[in-house]
């Protein structure tokens, strides 16, 4: 049975429970159960590697001792156990001897709830989880991405805006181009379910980790922050599945809630890869954490300011941003001026429509920049649809192979062999300044390229009106001539 089929069957059971109201609660219920199942699978691995391993979870509360037996407790007994023993204990878990794993578990359960009112239905759900997935199998572990993609799709239909699953081809390409190295501090300040962090783990581990000490250094170098409790729980689970035993560097917090001036040298990082929330507004007062010239409540703009601030000199960033940031004016203009003056914005990959369907139809861009020197020129690359595609869909998603063209064009680490083509073009920083820092620059090699430049749009509109006027005059003349001849 596939992951999505397993989740659907579980949610069908939950719909029968009077205590679970709507998709959001069903998903919240499902996620804490999956966490305990996954953690128990990982503990089996820990026990094989370390005969002295002791679980931070009290023995009667470990998944294997109350959930794994299909004929185990059910009904009122199970409900009483979950509500009055399991949750109170894990929400207030006191780690033994400073065991950081205990802090992780307590953090997971701080915002978790049991919504189910029927112990019999809960037993049915638990049995489906026990029988459906073994996260010690490599295949099932890999399919965790499909699991939380399905969960986020359900969240979107439940009306929880702002939860965007970044497709794996996009995270993989961005991390590959940023090329994090062992020992570099890697941050995602809006980490969601952890897609960029797990891509970074795989990249560094596959290329640089050769010893136990290397692995420890990697685990200490990853940092993430997520504002919302459910994605944070999913991120913690995802990190554990990817071998980060104690993901205490993934915090449940809002990165924007801290005044920018409070971020000091110790907070600086080498690499930032992120897809900050866009299209949303921050709560009142958050903008006051930023200098007056950059104050706005638009989330994506604030994150771009924060990212520039958090990078070390020489630090590298890859950021997903919407078209609105590229052509927006006012505060957006000042932010882009700051970006080009303090960083080398060397590449903008323009993605086509549909990459983030079904979460949003907004067109997006991948910005790559290095802090410490001003921009001299910006290269743009318009990512095309594969042959035969007019958009992406669930059955025809974006594939990682599509980025091979960009990789071949990139020009190595120094990006020194790039050439213009039907998809690639460059613009000088002087030209961008002359455009009032409008980065929504049309592909000169594509007559069908769409521009959002206000001056170009007004000029196009004026030209269209002129053509309409000329056509109207021609029609009036033809009609007058016909009437004259008819007399």
Protein backbone atom coordinates (compact mmCIF):
# COMPACT_ATOMS: atom_id res chain seq x y z
CA UNK A 1 0.00 0.00 0.00
CA UNK A 2 1.38 3.44 -0.97
CA UNK A 3 1.98 6.20 1.56
CA UNK A 4 -0.87 8.32 0.15
CA UNK A 5 -3.25 5.36 0.25
CA UNK A 6 -2.27 4.65 3.86
CA UNK A 7 -2.89 8.28 4.85
CA UNK A 8 -6.22 8.36 3.05
CA UNK A 9 -7.40 5.17 4.76
CA UNK A 10 -6.36 6.60 8.15
CA UNK A 11 -8.17 9.87 7.53
CA UNK A 12 -11.28 7.94 6.47
CA UNK A 13 -11.24 6.26 9.89
CA UNK A 14 -10.71 9.59 11.65
CA UNK A 15 -13.74 11.10 9.88
CA UNK A 16 -15.91 8.71 11.89
CA UNK A 17 -14.60 10.20 15.16
CA UNK A 18 -16.75 13.01 16.57
CA UNK A 19 -13.77 14.68 18.23
CA UNK A 20 -11.81 15.34 15.04
CA UNK A 21 -13.15 18.40 13.26
CA UNK A 22 -11.81 19.00 9.77
CA UNK A 23 -8.66 18.15 7.83
CA UNK A 24 -6.35 20.33 9.93
CA UNK A 25 -7.13 18.40 13.13
CA UNK A 26 -6.94 15.06 11.32
CA UNK A 27 -3.49 15.99 10.06
CA UNK A 28 -2.34 17.18 13.50
CA UNK A 29 -3.55 13.88 14.98
CA UNK A 30 -1.79 11.87 12.31
CA UNK A 31 1.53 13.69 12.65
CA UNK A 32 2.17 13.08 16.36
CA UNK A 33 1.34 9.40 15.87
CA UNK A 34 3.75 9.16 12.95
CA UNK A 35 6.42 10.89 15.02
CA UNK A 36 6.20 8.27 17.79
CA UNK A 37 6.23 5.44 15.25
CA UNK A 38 9.23 6.91 13.41
CA UNK A 39 11.10 7.62 16.64
CA UNK A 40 10.55 4.04 17.78
CA UNK A 41 11.92 2.75 14.46
CA UNK A 42 14.99 4.94 14.92
CA UNK A 43 15.46 3.70 18.48
CA UNK A 44 15.69 0.17 17.14
CA UNK A 45 18.65 1.37 15.09
CA UNK A 46 20.19 3.20 18.08
CA UNK A 47 19.96 0.03 20.19
CA UNK A 48 21.76 -2.02 17.56
CA UNK A 49 24.60 0.50 17.41
CA UNK A 50 24.87 1.18 21.15
CA UNK A 51 24.14 -1.54 23.69
CA UNK A 52 24.04 1.10 26.44
CA UNK A 53 21.38 3.19 24.70
CA UNK A 54 18.52 4.29 26.96
CA UNK A 55 15.38 5.84 25.57
CA UNK A 56 14.43 9.31 26.88
CA UNK A 57 10.80 8.11 26.79
CA UNK A 58 9.69 6.17 29.89
CA UNK A 59 9.47 2.48 29.05
CA UNK A 60 5.63 2.08 29.28
CA UNK A 61 5.18 5.06 26.94
CA UNK A 62 7.41 3.83 24.12
CA UNK A 63 5.40 3.09 20.95
CA UNK A 64 6.45 -0.57 20.93
CA UNK A 65 5.01 -1.10 24.42
CA UNK A 66 1.53 0.33 23.96
CA UNK A 67 0.81 0.71 20.23
CA UNK A 68 2.64 -2.00 18.29
CA UNK A 69 0.47 -4.92 19.46
CA UNK A 70 -2.60 -5.00 17.18
CA UNK A 71 -4.50 -6.81 19.96
CA UNK A 72 -3.33 -4.37 22.64
CA UNK A 73 -5.31 -1.87 24.64
CA UNK A 74 -8.28 -0.21 22.95
CA UNK A 75 -11.50 1.63 23.77
CA UNK A 76 -11.66 3.62 27.00
CA UNK A 77 -8.45 2.05 28.28
CA UNK A 78 -6.48 3.35 25.29
CA UNK A 79 -8.13 6.76 25.42
CA UNK A 80 -7.37 7.13 29.13
CA UNK A 81 -3.75 6.07 28.56
CA UNK A 82 -3.18 8.61 25.76
CA UNK A 83 -4.95 11.53 27.46
CA UNK A 84 -3.86 11.02 31.05
CA UNK A 85 -0.45 9.34 30.82
CA UNK A 86 1.16 9.70 27.40
CA UNK A 87 0.50 13.38 26.67
CA UNK A 88 1.01 14.82 30.17
CA UNK A 89 4.30 12.94 30.55
CA UNK A 90 5.75 13.83 27.13
CA UNK A 91 4.66 17.48 27.35
CA UNK A 92 6.57 17.77 30.64
CA UNK A 93 9.38 15.33 29.92
CA UNK A 94 12.45 15.95 32.09
CA UNK A 95 15.50 14.67 30.18
CA UNK A 96 17.86 12.46 32.16
CA UNK A 97 21.37 13.78 32.58
CA UNK A 98 20.91 16.52 30.01
CA UNK A 99 19.96 14.06 27.23
CA UNK A 100 19.05 16.43 24.42
CA UNK A 101 16.79 13.84 22.78
CA UNK A 102 14.37 14.41 25.63
CA UNK A 103 14.22 18.12 24.84
CA UNK A 104 13.38 17.28 21.21
CA UNK A 105 10.50 15.02 22.23
CA UNK A 106 9.15 17.54 24.73
CA UNK A 107 9.33 20.26 22.06
CA UNK A 108 7.37 18.09 19.64
CA UNK A 109 4.56 17.50 22.11
CA UNK A 110 4.31 21.05 23.45
CA UNK A 111 1.92 21.93 20.62
CA UNK A 112 0.46 18.47 19.91
CA UNK A 113 -3.06 17.39 20.88
CA UNK A 114 -5.15 14.25 20.89
CA UNK A 115 -8.44 15.13 19.22
CA UNK A 116 -9.90 11.62 18.98
CA UNK A 117 -12.75 10.66 21.32
CA UNK A 118 -13.08 7.00 20.36
CA UNK A 119 -10.43 4.62 21.64
CA UNK A 120 -11.69 1.93 19.24
CA UNK A 121 -11.20 4.15 16.19
CA UNK A 122 -7.81 5.22 17.56
CA UNK A 123 -6.78 1.57 17.73
CA UNK A 124 -7.78 1.14 14.09
CA UNK A 125 -5.65 4.15 13.11
CA UNK A 126 -2.67 2.89 15.10
CA UNK A 127 -2.90 -0.54 13.50
CA UNK A 128 -2.88 1.01 10.02
CA UNK A 129 0.28 2.94 10.92
CA UNK A 130 1.95 -0.17 12.39
CA UNK A 131 1.10 -2.31 9.38
CA UNK A 132 1.53 0.33 6.68
CA UNK A 133 5.05 1.74 7.07
CA UNK A 134 8.42 0.61 8.38
CA UNK A 135 10.77 3.58 8.51
CA UNK A 136 13.73 1.27 9.00
CA UNK A 137 13.24 0.21 5.38
CA UNK A 138 15.16 2.53 3.08
CA UNK A 139 12.28 2.66 0.60
CA UNK A 140 9.74 3.76 3.22
CA UNK A 141 12.19 6.27 4.66
CA UNK A 142 12.63 7.81 1.21
CA UNK A 143 8.85 7.96 0.82
CA UNK A 144 8.58 10.26 3.84
CA UNK A 145 8.83 13.11 1.34
CA UNK A 146 5.68 11.80 -0.30
CA UNK A 147 4.05 11.54 3.12
CA UNK A 148 4.48 15.16 4.07
CA UNK A 149 3.76 16.32 0.51
CA UNK A 150 0.41 14.55 0.86
CA UNK A 151 -0.09 16.13 4.29
CA UNK A 152 0.65 19.62 2.93
CA UNK A 153 -1.71 19.08 0.02
CA UNK A 154 -4.41 18.20 2.54
CA UNK A 155 -3.50 21.24 4.64
CA UNK A 156 -3.92 23.46 1.60
CA UNK A 157 -7.39 22.09 0.94
CA UNK A 158 -8.14 22.62 4.64
CA UNK A 159 -7.64 26.34 4.11
CA UNK A 160 -4.28 26.76 5.87
CA UNK A 161 -2.65 29.28 3.56
CA UNK A 162 1.10 29.73 3.40
CA UNK A 163 2.17 26.08 3.58
CA UNK A 164 4.20 25.51 0.43
CA UNK A 165 5.95 22.27 -0.27
CA UNK A 166 9.03 23.14 -2.32
CA UNK A 167 9.42 20.43 -4.98
CA UNK A 168 12.46 18.22 -4.45
CA UNK A 169 13.95 19.11 -7.87
CA UNK A 170 13.99 22.79 -6.85
CA UNK A 171 15.57 22.19 -3.42
CA UNK A 172 18.08 19.77 -4.94
CA UNK A 173 19.11 22.20 -7.69
CA UNK A 174 19.44 25.17 -5.34
CA UNK A 175 21.57 23.26 -2.85
CA UNK A 176 23.69 21.78 -5.65
CA UNK A 177 24.47 25.26 -7.03
CA UNK A 178 25.23 26.71 -3.59
CA UNK A 179 27.49 23.68 -2.90
CA UNK A 180 27.72 23.77 0.93
CA UNK A 181 30.96 22.46 2.39
CA UNK A 182 31.65 20.47 5.53
CA UNK A 183 31.88 22.79 8.54
CA UNK A 184 29.96 25.67 6.98
CA UNK A 185 26.96 26.91 8.95
CA UNK A 186 23.85 26.23 6.89
CA UNK A 187 20.59 28.00 7.73
CA UNK A 188 17.00 27.92 6.52
CA UNK A 189 15.25 30.73 8.44
CA UNK A 190 11.79 29.57 7.30
CA UNK A 191 12.44 25.85 7.13
CA UNK A 192 8.89 24.48 6.90
CA UNK A 193 9.10 20.71 6.79
CA UNK A 194 12.87 20.71 6.23
CA UNK A 195 13.24 20.12 2.50
CA UNK A 196 16.24 22.41 2.04
CA UNK A 197 17.96 21.14 5.18
CA UNK A 198 17.60 17.50 4.18
CA UNK A 199 18.87 18.31 0.66
CA UNK A 200 21.90 19.98 2.29
CA UNK A 201 22.44 16.94 4.53
CA UNK A 202 22.46 14.61 1.54
CA UNK A 203 24.73 16.92 -0.49
CA UNK A 204 27.40 17.33 2.22
CA UNK A 205 27.17 13.74 3.42
CA UNK A 206 27.62 12.29 -0.07
CA UNK A 207 30.60 14.50 -0.94
CA UNK A 208 32.46 15.34 2.25
CA UNK A 209 31.60 13.05 5.17
CA UNK A 210 34.18 10.28 5.56
CA UNK A 211 34.53 9.80 9.33
CA UNK A 212 32.43 9.84 12.49
CA UNK A 213 33.95 13.24 13.31
CA UNK A 214 32.84 14.56 9.91
CA UNK A 215 29.30 13.40 10.61
CA UNK A 216 29.28 15.09 14.00
CA UNK A 217 30.50 18.31 12.41
CA UNK A 218 27.74 18.13 9.81
CA UNK A 219 25.06 17.62 12.46
CA UNK A 220 26.33 20.65 14.39
CA UNK A 221 26.31 22.85 11.26
CA UNK A 222 22.61 22.74 10.38
CA UNK A 223 20.16 25.38 11.61
CA UNK A 224 16.48 25.92 10.93
CA UNK A 225 13.61 27.99 12.29
CA UNK A 226 9.91 27.41 11.65
CA UNK A 227 7.07 29.59 12.89
CA UNK A 228 4.15 27.14 12.71
CA UNK A 229 3.91 24.10 15.01
CA UNK A 230 2.80 21.46 12.49
CA UNK A 231 5.52 22.07 9.88
CA UNK A 232 8.04 22.29 12.73
CA UNK A 233 6.96 18.88 13.99
CA UNK A 234 7.24 17.50 10.45
CA UNK A 235 10.69 19.06 10.07
CA UNK A 236 11.91 17.53 13.33
CA UNK A 237 10.65 14.13 12.20
CA UNK A 238 12.21 14.56 8.76
CA UNK A 239 15.59 15.45 10.26
CA UNK A 240 15.55 12.38 12.51
CA UNK A 241 14.76 10.21 9.50
CA UNK A 242 17.78 11.73 7.73
CA UNK A 243 20.12 10.72 10.52
CA UNK A 244 20.18 13.94 12.57
CA UNK A 245 19.78 12.22 15.91
CA UNK A 246 19.19 15.33 18.01
CA UNK A 247 17.80 18.17 15.83
CA UNK A 248 17.82 20.77 18.61
CA UNK A 249 19.09 23.38 16.13
CA UNK A 250 15.68 23.31 14.44
CA UNK A 251 13.70 25.78 16.52
CA UNK A 252 9.98 26.54 16.73
CA UNK A 253 10.09 30.31 16.46
CA UNK A 254 9.56 33.28 14.13
CA UNK A 255 12.92 34.46 12.80
CA UNK A 256 11.44 37.88 12.06
CA UNK A 257 10.32 38.50 15.65
CA UNK A 258 13.87 39.32 16.80
CA UNK A 259 15.12 42.88 16.14
CA UNK A 260 17.63 42.90 13.30
CA UNK A 261 20.19 44.77 15.41
CA UNK A 262 20.18 41.91 17.94
CA UNK A 263 21.68 39.51 15.40
CA UNK A 264 25.42 39.73 16.00
CA UNK A 265 28.56 38.12 14.56
CA UNK A 266 27.83 34.78 16.28
CA UNK A 267 24.57 34.57 14.33
CA UNK A 268 26.24 34.96 10.93
CA UNK A 269 26.16 31.93 8.63
CA UNK A 270 27.98 30.72 5.52
CA UNK A 271 25.01 29.40 3.56
CA UNK A 272 21.29 30.22 3.44
CA UNK A 273 18.88 28.20 1.29
CA UNK A 274 15.21 28.96 1.75
CA UNK A 275 11.75 29.48 0.32
CA UNK A 276 10.37 32.19 2.64
CA UNK A 277 6.59 32.58 2.84
CA UNK A 278 5.26 35.00 0.26
CA UNK A 279 1.91 36.58 -0.36
CA UNK A 280 1.34 36.97 3.38
CA UNK A 281 1.56 39.75 5.94
CA UNK A 282 3.31 39.69 9.30
CA UNK A 283 1.50 40.66 12.49
CA UNK A 284 1.50 44.28 13.60
CA UNK A 285 4.80 45.42 15.09
CA UNK A 286 7.09 42.87 13.41
CA UNK A 287 8.20 45.53 10.89
CA UNK A 288 9.55 47.62 13.77
CA UNK A 289 12.33 45.04 14.20
CA UNK A 290 13.82 46.37 10.94
CA UNK A 291 15.40 49.70 9.96
CA UNK A 292 12.85 52.34 9.00
CA UNK A 293 13.91 52.34 5.35
CA UNK A 294 12.95 48.65 5.02
CA UNK A 295 9.80 48.53 7.14
CA UNK A 296 6.99 46.56 5.58
CA UNK A 297 4.62 43.84 6.73
CA UNK A 298 5.16 41.74 3.60
CA UNK A 299 6.86 38.56 4.75
CA UNK A 300 9.05 37.79 1.72
CA UNK A 301 10.54 41.32 1.73
CA UNK A 302 11.42 41.14 5.43
CA UNK A 303 13.07 37.76 4.95
CA UNK A 304 15.22 39.09 2.10
CA UNK A 305 16.47 41.90 4.38
CA UNK A 306 17.14 39.38 7.15
CA UNK A 307 19.01 37.02 4.81
CA UNK A 308 21.33 39.79 3.64
CA UNK A 309 22.03 40.68 7.28
CA UNK A 310 22.69 37.10 8.45
CA UNK A 311 25.20 36.16 5.74
CA UNK A 312 28.88 36.40 6.53
CA UNK A 313 31.08 38.25 4.06
CA UNK A 314 31.58 35.66 1.35
CA UNK A 315 28.44 33.84 2.46
CA UNK A 316 26.15 32.43 -0.23
CA UNK A 317 22.38 32.37 -0.54
CA UNK A 318 19.79 30.74 -2.78
CA UNK A 319 16.28 32.10 -2.25
CA UNK A 320 12.87 31.49 -3.84
CA UNK A 321 11.05 34.78 -4.41
CA UNK A 322 7.85 35.70 -6.28
CA UNK A 323 7.68 37.88 -9.40
CA UNK A 324 6.23 40.68 -7.26
CA UNK A 325 9.59 41.16 -5.54
CA UNK A 326 11.34 41.57 -8.89
CA UNK A 327 9.13 44.31 -10.31
CA UNK A 328 7.72 45.82 -7.09
CA UNK A 329 8.42 49.44 -6.20
CA UNK A 330 8.61 51.56 -3.04
CA UNK A 331 10.20 49.63 -0.18
CA UNK A 332 10.88 46.74 -2.55
CA UNK A 333 13.05 49.08 -4.62
CA UNK A 334 15.11 50.06 -1.57
CA UNK A 335 15.55 46.41 -0.60
CA UNK A 336 16.74 45.50 -4.11
CA UNK A 337 19.12 48.46 -4.10
CA UNK A 338 20.57 47.16 -0.84
CA UNK A 339 20.86 43.69 -2.35
CA UNK A 340 22.79 44.89 -5.39
CA UNK A 341 25.01 47.23 -3.37
CA UNK A 342 26.02 44.73 -0.65
CA UNK A 343 25.82 41.42 -2.51
CA UNK A 344 26.74 40.00 -5.88
CA UNK A 345 23.40 38.92 -7.31
CA UNK A 346 24.97 36.81 -10.02
CA UNK A 347 22.05 34.63 -11.15
CA UNK A 348 18.26 34.71 -11.37
CA UNK A 349 16.56 31.53 -12.61
CA UNK A 350 13.03 32.38 -13.74
CA UNK A 351 10.67 29.45 -13.23
CA UNK A 352 7.58 28.93 -15.39
CA UNK A 353 4.01 28.82 -14.12
CA UNK A 354 2.82 25.80 -12.19
CA UNK A 355 6.00 24.78 -10.34
CA UNK A 356 4.27 25.24 -6.98
CA UNK A 357 0.85 23.94 -7.97
CA UNK A 358 -1.47 23.15 -6.26
CA UNK A 359 -0.28 25.40 -3.42
CA UNK A 360 0.02 28.62 -5.42
CA UNK A 361 -0.08 29.76 -9.02
CA UNK A 362 2.28 32.69 -8.36
CA UNK A 363 5.30 32.73 -10.67
CA UNK A 364 8.58 32.35 -8.80
CA UNK A 365 12.30 32.94 -9.24
CA UNK A 366 15.48 31.48 -7.77
CA UNK A 367 17.93 34.19 -6.70
CA UNK A 368 21.58 33.27 -6.12
CA UNK A 369 23.89 35.82 -4.47
CA UNK A 370 27.12 36.18 -2.51
CA UNK A 371 27.59 38.80 0.19
CA UNK A 372 30.53 41.18 0.34
CA UNK A 373 30.88 42.80 -3.07
CA UNK A 374 28.42 44.79 -5.20
CA UNK A 375 26.72 43.35 -8.25
CA UNK A 376 28.38 44.09 -11.59
CA UNK A 377 25.97 42.14 -13.79
CA UNK A 378 23.06 39.75 -13.36
CA UNK A 379 22.61 36.65 -15.47
CA UNK A 380 19.03 35.51 -16.07
CA UNK A 381 18.01 32.02 -17.13
CA UNK A 382 14.44 31.30 -18.20
CA UNK A 383 13.68 27.71 -17.23
CA UNK A 384 11.58 26.19 -20.05
CA UNK A 385 8.89 23.55 -19.82
CA UNK A 386 9.98 20.12 -21.00
CA UNK A 387 8.92 19.28 -24.57
CA UNK A 388 5.21 18.54 -24.70
CA UNK A 389 4.42 20.32 -21.40
CA UNK A 390 2.21 23.40 -21.09
CA UNK A 391 2.23 23.32 -17.28
CA UNK A 392 3.09 21.01 -14.38
CA UNK A 393 0.57 18.84 -12.58
CA UNK A 394 0.36 16.02 -10.06
CA UNK A 395 0.78 13.46 -12.82
CA UNK A 396 3.42 15.51 -14.67
CA UNK A 397 5.53 17.20 -11.96
CA UNK A 398 8.84 18.95 -12.37
CA UNK A 399 11.80 16.53 -12.58
CA UNK A 400 15.37 17.07 -11.37
CA UNK A 401 16.70 16.19 -14.83
CA UNK A 402 15.21 19.42 -16.15
CA UNK A 403 17.92 21.42 -14.40
CA UNK A 404 20.76 19.68 -16.26
CA UNK A 405 20.69 22.47 -18.87
CA UNK A 406 21.21 25.13 -16.18
CA UNK A 407 24.01 23.09 -14.62
CA UNK A 408 25.78 22.72 -17.97
CA UNK A 409 25.41 26.46 -18.63
CA UNK A 410 26.41 27.56 -15.09
CA UNK A 411 30.12 27.79 -15.83
CA UNK A 412 31.58 26.03 -12.80
CA UNK A 413 32.30 27.54 -9.40
CA UNK A 414 33.58 30.80 -10.90
CA UNK A 415 30.71 30.99 -13.43
CA UNK A 416 33.27 32.15 -16.00
CA UNK A 417 32.17 30.40 -19.19
CA UNK A 418 28.56 31.49 -19.47
CA UNK A 419 27.16 32.43 -22.85
CA UNK A 420 23.89 34.00 -23.91
CA UNK A 421 21.36 31.69 -25.53
CA UNK A 422 17.66 31.48 -26.21
CA UNK A 423 17.20 30.92 -22.46
CA UNK A 424 20.07 32.97 -20.95
CA UNK A 425 20.76 36.71 -20.99
CA UNK A 426 22.70 39.20 -18.85
CA UNK A 427 22.01 42.73 -17.70
CA UNK A 428 24.51 45.17 -16.19
CA UNK A 429 24.02 46.63 -12.76
CA UNK A 430 24.04 50.10 -14.36
CA UNK A 431 21.09 49.14 -16.54
CA UNK A 432 19.25 47.77 -13.53
CA UNK A 433 19.84 51.00 -11.61
CA UNK A 434 18.52 52.93 -14.60
CA UNK A 435 15.39 50.78 -14.42
CA UNK A 436 14.90 51.82 -10.76
CA UNK A 437 16.05 48.34 -9.67
CA UNK A 438 13.28 46.56 -11.56
CA UNK A 439 14.57 42.99 -12.00
CA UNK A 440 11.63 41.78 -14.06
CA UNK A 441 13.65 41.97 -17.25
CA UNK A 442 12.31 40.50 -20.47
CA UNK A 443 14.28 37.79 -22.28
CA UNK A 444 15.57 39.63 -25.37
CA UNK A 445 15.85 36.32 -27.23
CA UNK A 446 12.17 35.43 -26.72
CA UNK A 447 9.54 37.65 -28.35
CA UNK A 448 6.84 35.95 -26.27
CA UNK A 449 8.44 36.81 -22.94
CA UNK A 450 6.13 38.60 -20.52
CA UNK A 451 7.30 41.74 -18.72
CA UNK A 452 5.75 43.41 -15.69
CA UNK A 453 7.79 46.61 -16.04
CA UNK A 454 5.26 49.48 -15.51
CA UNK A 455 6.92 51.68 -18.15
CA UNK A 456 6.90 48.85 -20.69
CA UNK A 457 3.32 47.96 -19.84
CA UNK A 458 2.21 51.59 -20.22
CA UNK A 459 4.08 51.86 -23.51
CA UNK A 460 2.51 48.62 -24.74
CA UNK A 461 -0.89 49.89 -23.64
CA UNK A 462 -0.38 53.19 -25.45
CA UNK A 463 0.71 51.36 -28.59
CA UNK A 464 -2.32 49.09 -28.37
CA UNK A 465 -4.63 52.09 -27.97
CA UNK A 466 -3.00 53.73 -31.00
CA UNK A 467 -3.54 50.57 -33.08
CA UNK A 468 -7.16 50.39 -31.93
CA UNK A 469 -7.64 54.06 -32.84
CA UNK A 470 -6.11 53.54 -36.28
CA UNK A 471 -8.28 50.49 -36.90
CA UNK A 472 -11.37 52.41 -35.79
CA UNK A 473 -10.52 55.23 -38.19
CA UNK A 474 -10.04 52.76 -41.04
CA UNK A 475 -13.37 51.09 -40.32
CA UNK A 476 -15.11 54.48 -40.14
CA UNK A 477 -13.63 55.43 -43.51
CA UNK A 478 -14.66 52.13 -45.11
CA UNK A 479 -18.17 52.44 -43.70
CA UNK A 480 -18.51 56.05 -44.88
CA UNK A 481 -17.29 55.08 -48.34
CA UNK A 482 -19.80 52.20 -48.50
CA UNK A 483 -22.64 54.46 -47.46
CA UNK A 484 -21.63 57.08 -50.02
CA UNK A 485 -21.58 54.51 -52.82
CA UNK A 486 -24.97 53.18 -51.74
CA UNK A 487 -26.76 56.50 -52.31
